[in-house]
Protein backbone atom coordinates (compact mmCIF):
# COMPACT_ATOMS: atom_id res chain seq x y z
CA MET A 1 11.90 -3.51 3.21
CA TRP A 2 9.23 -2.02 0.84
CA ILE A 3 8.46 -3.80 -2.26
CA PHE A 4 6.52 -2.18 -5.14
CA ALA A 5 5.45 -4.80 -7.24
CA LYS A 6 3.26 -5.30 -10.49
CA ASP A 7 0.46 -6.91 -8.12
CA GLY A 8 0.65 -5.29 -5.21
CA PHE A 9 2.74 -3.35 -2.46
CA LEU A 10 4.59 -5.19 0.18
CA SER A 11 6.06 -4.12 3.49
CA ILE A 12 8.39 -6.58 4.87
CA THR A 13 9.74 -6.49 8.81
CA GLN A 14 11.59 -8.64 11.38
CA HIS A 15 8.67 -10.23 13.49
CA ARG A 16 9.27 -8.95 16.93
CA GLU A 17 8.80 -12.45 18.76
CA LYS A 18 9.77 -14.78 16.31
CA PRO A 19 13.27 -14.47 14.94
CA GLU A 20 12.83 -17.07 12.05
CA HIS A 21 9.57 -15.44 10.84
CA LEU A 22 8.95 -12.02 8.97
CA MET A 23 5.77 -10.21 8.99
CA VAL A 24 4.50 -9.10 5.98
CA ARG A 25 2.02 -5.97 5.47
CA GLY A 26 -0.24 -4.77 2.88
CA ARG A 27 -2.04 -1.51 2.41
CA VAL A 28 -4.57 -3.26 -0.10
CA LYS A 29 -6.85 -6.01 0.39
CA GLY A 30 -5.79 -9.11 -1.65
CA ASP A 31 -2.15 -7.89 -2.07
CA LEU A 32 -0.91 -10.32 0.50
CA GLU A 33 -3.04 -13.02 -0.67
CA HIS A 34 -1.75 -12.67 -4.52
CA TYR A 35 1.90 -13.08 -3.22
CA PHE A 36 1.22 -15.58 -0.63
CA PRO A 37 -2.00 -17.77 -1.35
CA GLY A 38 -3.10 -19.73 1.61
CA ALA A 39 -1.29 -17.45 4.38
CA GLU A 40 -3.55 -16.52 7.00
CA VAL A 41 -4.21 -12.48 6.26
CA ILE A 42 -5.31 -10.77 9.44
CA GLU A 43 -6.98 -7.42 9.12
CA THR A 44 -5.88 -4.70 11.49
CA PRO A 45 -7.98 -1.81 10.52
CA ASP A 46 -6.42 0.30 13.34
CA GLY A 47 -2.95 -0.51 12.21
CA ASP A 48 -0.54 1.59 9.80
CA TYR A 49 -1.15 -1.38 7.53
CA HIS A 50 -4.57 -2.96 7.43
CA TYR A 51 -3.50 -6.64 6.50
CA ARG A 52 -0.61 -8.65 7.81
CA THR A 53 0.50 -12.27 7.92
CA THR A 54 3.61 -13.93 9.62
CA LEU A 55 5.60 -16.39 7.15
CA PRO A 56 8.70 -17.80 7.64
CA ARG A 57 11.86 -15.97 6.15
CA GLU A 58 12.50 -18.72 3.69
CA LYS A 59 8.91 -18.55 2.10
CA VAL A 60 9.26 -14.70 1.79
CA ALA A 61 12.73 -15.14 0.44
CA ASP A 62 11.25 -17.83 -2.30
CA ARG A 63 8.24 -15.64 -3.14
CA VAL A 64 10.03 -12.83 -3.62
CA ARG A 65 12.86 -14.29 -5.72
CA ASP A 66 9.85 -16.04 -7.87
CA ALA A 67 8.26 -12.62 -8.25
CA VAL A 68 11.92 -11.42 -9.74
CA ILE A 69 12.11 -14.38 -12.02
CA ASP A 70 8.53 -13.48 -13.33
CA ILE A 71 9.80 -10.10 -14.75
CA ARG A 72 8.94 -9.78 -18.50
CA SER A 73 8.87 -6.25 -19.21
CA GLY A 74 9.50 -2.76 -17.87
CA PHE A 75 7.83 -2.08 -14.34
CA LYS A 76 4.82 0.43 -15.55
CA ASP A 77 3.97 -1.77 -18.30
CA SER A 78 3.72 -4.73 -16.26
CA VAL A 79 0.98 -3.17 -13.61
CA THR A 80 -2.35 -5.00 -14.53
CA ASP A 81 -4.76 -2.81 -12.18
CA LYS A 82 -3.82 0.52 -13.30
CA ARG A 83 -5.71 2.22 -10.72
CA ARG A 84 -2.61 1.87 -8.93
CA MET A 85 -0.58 3.80 -11.74
CA PRO A 86 -1.08 7.50 -10.03
CA TRP A 87 0.23 6.28 -6.92
CA TYR A 88 3.30 4.41 -8.05
CA LEU A 89 4.23 7.63 -10.39
CA ARG A 90 4.26 9.74 -7.32
CA VAL A 91 6.51 7.35 -5.52
CA TRP A 92 8.38 7.16 -8.72
CA SER A 93 8.66 10.97 -8.82
CA VAL A 94 9.57 11.41 -5.14
CA MET A 95 12.90 9.06 -5.71
CA ASP A 96 13.50 10.67 -8.76
CA ASP A 97 13.91 13.76 -6.77
CA MET A 98 15.84 12.33 -4.24
CA GLN A 99 18.21 10.98 -6.89
CA TYR A 100 19.08 14.63 -7.53
CA ALA A 101 19.04 15.86 -4.00
CA LEU A 102 21.20 13.18 -2.52
CA GLN A 103 23.92 13.22 -5.32
CA SER A 104 27.19 13.48 -4.08
CA ASP A 105 30.08 15.47 -5.75
CA ASP A 106 32.50 12.60 -6.03
């Protein structure tokens, strides 16, 4: 699962060896710490994501729920680090293209 949130981008996957845990990965330093304060974040400069942590499923689910409950405005207005906007807008544009490309003839 990919989550583009106002304070970071997260990739969440099943942990390979611990089924009760999830691997939460980030590309930008500080994103994981923002959403999971106190988590042990490992830097993996040779990995596809440079930062990762392993957390219990429930902890990840609770934090994602909290982020949803915290929504107070439209997404673009909520992003505090405006340096992210060019990348977020590129994702928006690609997904807009997909919307039309995959539209069915129902």
